[in-house]
């Protein structure tokens, strides 16, 4: 249940615009370590990391195409993101074919968009396509 609220809170932060986009003072940042796994050197990746860095104590970024469970070991929350423009026939394999998470995986994780829905479905989680 703890992870549900953590992921829900992060999703709310991604959806609700911040007042003026101002950076929170270091002492007011949320005490969570975020790992953003996305497409490197894209505007989307840069925007996410920039936004998250303003509100969380630590934000790291890795390439989603080579994401491994071990990379999440020092993070509280993982965001898996491979946007639709770079997905499918135009951008190689879909996210659910790339990322293989073991059944024991227990890190709070948010997978975005259609690729995320397919990943959830393959893992037989409720947010997947059914």
C-alpha atoms as a PDB file:
ATOM      1  CA  UNK A   1       0.000   0.000   0.000  1.00  0.00           C
ATOM      2  CA  UNK A   2       2.925   2.329   0.780  1.00  0.00           C
ATOM      3  CA  UNK A   3       4.147   2.073  -2.816  1.00  0.00           C
ATOM      4  CA  UNK A   4       0.691   2.825  -4.211  1.00  0.00           C
ATOM      5  CA  UNK A   5       0.600   6.175  -2.423  1.00  0.00           C
ATOM      6  CA  UNK A   6       4.186   7.002  -3.417  1.00  0.00           C
ATOM      7  CA  UNK A   7       3.545   6.309  -7.101  1.00  0.00           C
ATOM      8  CA  UNK A   8       0.192   8.116  -6.958  1.00  0.00           C
ATOM      9  CA  UNK A   9       1.869  11.154  -5.430  1.00  0.00           C
ATOM     10  CA  UNK A  10       4.530  11.251  -8.126  1.00  0.00           C
ATOM     11  CA  UNK A  11       1.887  10.889 -10.823  1.00  0.00           C
ATOM     12  CA  UNK A  12       0.006  13.827  -9.290  1.00  0.00           C
ATOM     13  CA  UNK A  13       3.169  15.910  -9.408  1.00  0.00           C
ATOM     14  CA  UNK A  14       3.599  15.081 -13.074  1.00  0.00           C
ATOM     15  CA  UNK A  15       0.023  16.065 -13.904  1.00  0.00           C
ATOM     16  CA  UNK A  16      -0.555  19.092 -11.658  1.00  0.00           C
ATOM     17  CA  UNK A  17       1.431  22.123 -12.803  1.00  0.00           C
ATOM     18  CA  UNK A  18       3.667  23.672 -10.167  1.00  0.00           C
ATOM     19  CA  UNK A  19       3.217  27.305  -9.224  1.00  0.00           C
ATOM     20  CA  UNK A  20       5.430  29.205 -11.630  1.00  0.00           C
ATOM     21  CA  UNK A  21       7.713  26.199 -12.101  1.00  0.00           C
ATOM     22  CA  UNK A  22       9.820  27.409  -9.185  1.00  0.00           C
ATOM     23  CA  UNK A  23      12.430  25.196  -7.640  1.00  0.00           C
ATOM     24  CA  UNK A  24      11.777  24.165  -4.050  1.00  0.00           C
ATOM     25  CA  UNK A  25      14.507  25.108  -1.567  1.00  0.00           C
ATOM     26  CA  UNK A  26      16.792  22.131  -0.828  1.00  0.00           C
ATOM     27  CA  UNK A  27      15.375  21.718   2.685  1.00  0.00           C
ATOM     28  CA  UNK A  28      11.806  21.574   1.301  1.00  0.00           C
ATOM     29  CA  UNK A  29      12.427  18.959  -1.386  1.00  0.00           C
ATOM     30  CA  UNK A  30      10.674  15.635  -1.050  1.00  0.00           C
ATOM     31  CA  UNK A  31      12.943  13.057   0.535  1.00  0.00           C
ATOM     32  CA  UNK A  32      12.772  10.481  -2.257  1.00  0.00           C
ATOM     33  CA  UNK A  33      15.440   9.278  -4.676  1.00  0.00           C
ATOM     34  CA  UNK A  34      14.039   9.079  -8.208  1.00  0.00           C
ATOM     35  CA  UNK A  35      15.446   7.065 -11.107  1.00  0.00           C
ATOM     36  CA  UNK A  36      14.135   8.232 -14.476  1.00  0.00           C
ATOM     37  CA  UNK A  37      14.721   5.627 -17.187  1.00  0.00           C
ATOM     38  CA  UNK A  38      13.965   7.255 -20.525  1.00  0.00           C
ATOM     39  CA  UNK A  39      15.317   7.928 -23.976  1.00  0.00           C
ATOM     40  CA  UNK A  40      18.648   9.726 -23.421  1.00  0.00           C
ATOM     41  CA  UNK A  41      19.335  13.175 -24.821  1.00  0.00           C
ATOM     42  CA  UNK A  42      15.722  13.836 -25.818  1.00  0.00           C
ATOM     43  CA  UNK A  43      13.757  16.939 -24.911  1.00  0.00           C
ATOM     44  CA  UNK A  44      11.319  14.716 -23.001  1.00  0.00           C
ATOM     45  CA  UNK A  45      14.084  13.226 -20.856  1.00  0.00           C
ATOM     46  CA  UNK A  46      15.606  16.632 -20.162  1.00  0.00           C
ATOM     47  CA  UNK A  47      12.204  18.084 -19.202  1.00  0.00           C
ATOM     48  CA  UNK A  48      11.386  15.224 -16.826  1.00  0.00           C
ATOM     49  CA  UNK A  49      14.782  15.297 -15.096  1.00  0.00           C
ATOM     50  CA  UNK A  50      14.705  19.091 -14.814  1.00  0.00           C
ATOM     51  CA  UNK A  51      11.194  19.085 -13.346  1.00  0.00           C
ATOM     52  CA  UNK A  52      11.821  16.225 -10.924  1.00  0.00           C
ATOM     53  CA  UNK A  53      15.133  17.722  -9.758  1.00  0.00           C
ATOM     54  CA  UNK A  54      13.275  20.796  -8.529  1.00  0.00           C
ATOM     55  CA  UNK A  55      11.109  18.750  -6.166  1.00  0.00           C
ATOM     56  CA  UNK A  56      13.046  15.652  -5.048  1.00  0.00           C
ATOM     57  CA  UNK A  57      16.342  15.331  -3.175  1.00  0.00           C
ATOM     58  CA  UNK A  58      17.960  13.101  -5.805  1.00  0.00           C
ATOM     59  CA  UNK A  59      17.159  12.414  -9.449  1.00  0.00           C
ATOM     60  CA  UNK A  60      19.228  10.144 -11.682  1.00  0.00           C
ATOM     61  CA  UNK A  61      18.677   9.284 -15.308  1.00  0.00           C
ATOM     62  CA  UNK A  62      19.470   6.106 -17.249  1.00  0.00           C
ATOM     63  CA  UNK A  63      18.731   4.750 -20.717  1.00  0.00           C
ATOM     64  CA  UNK A  64      15.436   2.840 -20.667  1.00  0.00           C
ATOM     65  CA  UNK A  65      16.664   0.591 -23.496  1.00  0.00           C
ATOM     66  CA  UNK A  66      19.312  -0.902 -21.211  1.00  0.00           C
ATOM     67  CA  UNK A  67      17.445  -0.665 -17.882  1.00  0.00           C
ATOM     68  CA  UNK A  68      18.219  -3.436 -15.400  1.00  0.00           C
ATOM     69  CA  UNK A  69      16.674  -4.056 -11.998  1.00  0.00           C
ATOM     70  CA  UNK A  70      20.055  -3.502 -10.308  1.00  0.00           C
ATOM     71  CA  UNK A  71      20.068   0.139 -11.442  1.00  0.00           C
ATOM     72  CA  UNK A  72      17.068   0.787  -9.202  1.00  0.00           C
ATOM     73  CA  UNK A  73      18.705  -0.557  -6.041  1.00  0.00           C
ATOM     74  CA  UNK A  74      19.544   2.903  -4.650  1.00  0.00           C
ATOM     75  CA  UNK A  75      16.285   4.577  -5.727  1.00  0.00           C
ATOM     76  CA  UNK A  76      12.974   4.856  -3.942  1.00  0.00           C
ATOM     77  CA  UNK A  77      10.909   5.278  -7.122  1.00  0.00           C
ATOM     78  CA  UNK A  78      11.567   4.337 -10.749  1.00  0.00           C
ATOM     79  CA  UNK A  79       9.913   6.025 -13.705  1.00  0.00           C
ATOM     80  CA  UNK A  80      10.057   3.992 -16.930  1.00  0.00           C
ATOM     81  CA  UNK A  81       9.345   6.125 -19.975  1.00  0.00           C
ATOM     82  CA  UNK A  82       9.671   5.454 -23.665  1.00  0.00           C
ATOM     83  CA  UNK A  83       7.427   7.940 -25.403  1.00  0.00           C
ATOM     84  CA  UNK A  84       5.085   6.893 -28.206  1.00  0.00           C
ATOM     85  CA  UNK A  85       6.962   8.748 -30.920  1.00  0.00           C
ATOM     86  CA  UNK A  86       9.980   6.527 -30.387  1.00  0.00           C
ATOM     87  CA  UNK A  87       7.964   3.377 -29.806  1.00  0.00           C
ATOM     88  CA  UNK A  88       7.012   0.479 -32.051  1.00  0.00           C
ATOM     89  CA  UNK A  89       7.978   0.283 -35.713  1.00  0.00           C
ATOM     90  CA  UNK A  90       9.563   3.736 -35.715  1.00  0.00           C
ATOM     91  CA  UNK A  91      11.832   3.226 -32.756  1.00  0.00           C
ATOM     92  CA  UNK A  92      12.685  -0.429 -32.263  1.00  0.00           C
ATOM     93  CA  UNK A  93      11.227  -2.819 -29.738  1.00  0.00           C
ATOM     94  CA  UNK A  94       8.379  -1.780 -27.454  1.00  0.00           C
ATOM     95  CA  UNK A  95       9.168  -1.262 -23.769  1.00  0.00           C
ATOM     96  CA  UNK A  96       7.481  -4.498 -22.689  1.00  0.00           C
ATOM     97  CA  UNK A  97       9.845  -6.506 -24.910  1.00  0.00           C
ATOM     98  CA  UNK A  98      12.930  -4.689 -23.637  1.00  0.00           C
ATOM     99  CA  UNK A  99      12.400  -4.662 -19.885  1.00  0.00           C
ATOM    100  CA  UNK A 100      12.229  -7.964 -18.098  1.00  0.00           C
ATOM    101  CA  UNK A 101      11.474  -7.551 -14.419  1.00  0.00           C
ATOM    102  CA  UNK A 102      11.498 -10.599 -12.144  1.00  0.00           C
ATOM    103  CA  UNK A 103       8.411 -11.492 -10.130  1.00  0.00           C
ATOM    104  CA  UNK A 104      10.339 -10.531  -6.983  1.00  0.00           C
ATOM    105  CA  UNK A 105      10.776  -6.937  -8.224  1.00  0.00           C
ATOM    106  CA  UNK A 106       9.342  -4.687  -5.527  1.00  0.00           C
ATOM    107  CA  UNK A 107      10.539  -1.152  -6.290  1.00  0.00           C
ATOM    108  CA  UNK A 108       7.800   1.493  -6.570  1.00  0.00           C
ATOM    109  CA  UNK A 109       7.639   1.953 -10.355  1.00  0.00           C
ATOM    110  CA  UNK A 110       5.653   4.117 -12.710  1.00  0.00           C
ATOM    111  CA  UNK A 111       5.655   3.069 -16.380  1.00  0.00           C
ATOM    112  CA  UNK A 112       4.249   5.770 -18.645  1.00  0.00           C
ATOM    113  CA  UNK A 113       2.074   5.674 -21.736  1.00  0.00           C
ATOM    114  CA  UNK A 114       1.164   2.832 -24.050  1.00  0.00           C
ATOM    115  CA  UNK A 115       4.488   1.027 -23.582  1.00  0.00           C
ATOM    116  CA  UNK A 116       3.898   1.136 -19.834  1.00  0.00           C
ATOM    117  CA  UNK A 117       0.410  -0.321 -20.226  1.00  0.00           C
ATOM    118  CA  UNK A 118       1.815  -3.211 -22.258  1.00  0.00           C
ATOM    119  CA  UNK A 119       4.533  -3.775 -19.648  1.00  0.00           C
ATOM    120  CA  UNK A 120       1.918  -3.837 -16.860  1.00  0.00           C
ATOM    121  CA  UNK A 121      -0.242  -6.192 -18.901  1.00  0.00           C
ATOM    122  CA  UNK A 122       2.629  -8.597 -19.438  1.00  0.00           C
ATOM    123  CA  UNK A 123       3.275  -8.543 -15.689  1.00  0.00           C
ATOM    124  CA  UNK A 124      -0.448  -9.159 -15.124  1.00  0.00           C
ATOM    125  CA  UNK A 125      -0.920  -5.923 -13.178  1.00  0.00           C
ATOM    126  CA  UNK A 126      -4.224  -4.064 -13.100  1.00  0.00           C
ATOM    127  CA  UNK A 127      -3.157  -0.917 -15.006  1.00  0.00           C
ATOM    128  CA  UNK A 128      -2.379  -3.032 -18.088  1.00  0.00           C
ATOM    129  CA  UNK A 129      -4.606  -3.488 -21.112  1.00  0.00           C
ATOM    130  CA  UNK A 130      -7.315  -6.065 -20.446  1.00  0.00           C
END
